[in-house]
Amino acid sequence: MEQETRNDLPTVQLLGRDGNAFAILGACHLAARRAGWTQERINEFTAKATDGDYDHLLGTVMEHFDVE
């Protein structure tokens, strides 16, 4: 997966997601598509994000997105 700089990160709004991992992933997928990510890149992100617990998911999201 290519390395992003902080300025290149798509913005994803997590406020109001109430700790729902599926809602967080859905918001990330939408933000990634809007940012022009390829399906392969989205799949790589998803595999990494879901390869652990909820804290791992949040950490991965914060690596790949500008979280609001």
Protein backbone atom coordinates (compact mmCIF):
# COMPACT_ATOMS: atom_id res chain seq x y z
CA MET A 1 0.00 0.00 0.00
CA GLU A 2 1.40 3.39 -0.88
CA GLN A 3 2.34 5.71 1.95
CA GLU A 4 0.19 8.79 2.34
CA THR A 5 1.26 12.10 3.77
CA ARG A 6 -1.07 13.83 6.23
CA ASN A 7 -2.14 16.28 3.50
CA ASP A 8 -3.17 13.46 1.15
CA LEU A 9 -5.46 11.68 3.58
CA PRO A 10 -9.18 11.53 2.83
CA THR A 11 -11.35 12.98 5.59
CA VAL A 12 -13.76 10.67 7.38
CA GLN A 13 -16.30 11.78 9.98
CA LEU A 14 -16.53 9.34 12.89
CA LEU A 15 -18.46 11.53 15.30
CA GLY A 16 -21.81 9.88 15.94
CA ARG A 17 -20.77 6.39 14.81
CA ASP A 18 -21.28 5.16 18.42
CA GLY A 19 -18.50 2.59 18.33
CA ASN A 20 -20.04 0.62 15.49
CA ALA A 21 -17.17 -0.98 13.56
CA PHE A 22 -19.34 -1.61 10.49
CA ALA A 23 -20.45 2.04 10.35
CA ILE A 24 -16.82 3.16 10.68
CA LEU A 25 -15.71 0.87 7.85
CA GLY A 26 -18.60 2.04 5.69
CA ALA A 27 -17.70 5.69 6.26
CA CYS A 28 -14.07 4.92 5.41
CA HIS A 29 -15.03 3.09 2.21
CA LEU A 30 -17.17 6.02 1.11
CA ALA A 31 -14.41 8.54 1.87
CA ALA A 32 -11.86 6.37 0.06
CA ARG A 33 -14.04 6.07 -3.06
CA ARG A 34 -14.63 9.81 -3.07
CA ALA A 35 -10.85 10.32 -2.81
CA GLY A 36 -10.31 8.12 -5.86
CA TRP A 37 -8.81 5.07 -4.17
CA THR A 38 -8.75 1.94 -6.31
CA GLN A 39 -10.75 -1.08 -5.19
CA GLU A 40 -7.46 -2.88 -4.54
CA ARG A 41 -6.32 -0.13 -2.19
CA ILE A 42 -9.68 -0.18 -0.37
CA ASN A 43 -9.41 -3.97 -0.02
CA GLU A 44 -5.87 -3.66 1.40
CA PHE A 45 -7.05 -1.06 3.91
CA THR A 46 -10.02 -3.22 4.91
CA ALA A 47 -7.87 -6.32 5.39
CA LYS A 48 -5.44 -4.39 7.58
CA ALA A 49 -8.21 -2.63 9.55
CA THR A 50 -10.11 -5.84 10.30
CA ASP A 51 -7.03 -7.86 11.28
CA GLY A 52 -7.46 -7.22 14.99
CA ASP A 53 -9.74 -5.81 17.63
CA TYR A 54 -11.71 -2.55 17.72
CA ASP A 55 -8.70 -0.55 18.93
CA HIS A 56 -6.67 -1.89 16.01
CA LEU A 57 -9.46 -0.81 13.64
CA LEU A 58 -9.41 2.73 15.03
CA GLY A 59 -5.63 2.92 14.87
CA THR A 60 -5.62 1.79 11.25
CA VAL A 61 -8.33 4.31 10.36
CA MET A 62 -6.28 7.10 11.93
CA GLU A 63 -3.23 6.02 9.90
CA HIS A 64 -5.08 6.21 6.59
CA PHE A 65 -7.67 8.97 7.10
CA ASP A 66 -7.96 12.46 8.51
CA VAL A 67 -10.48 11.71 11.27
CA GLU A 68 -13.05 14.28 12.37
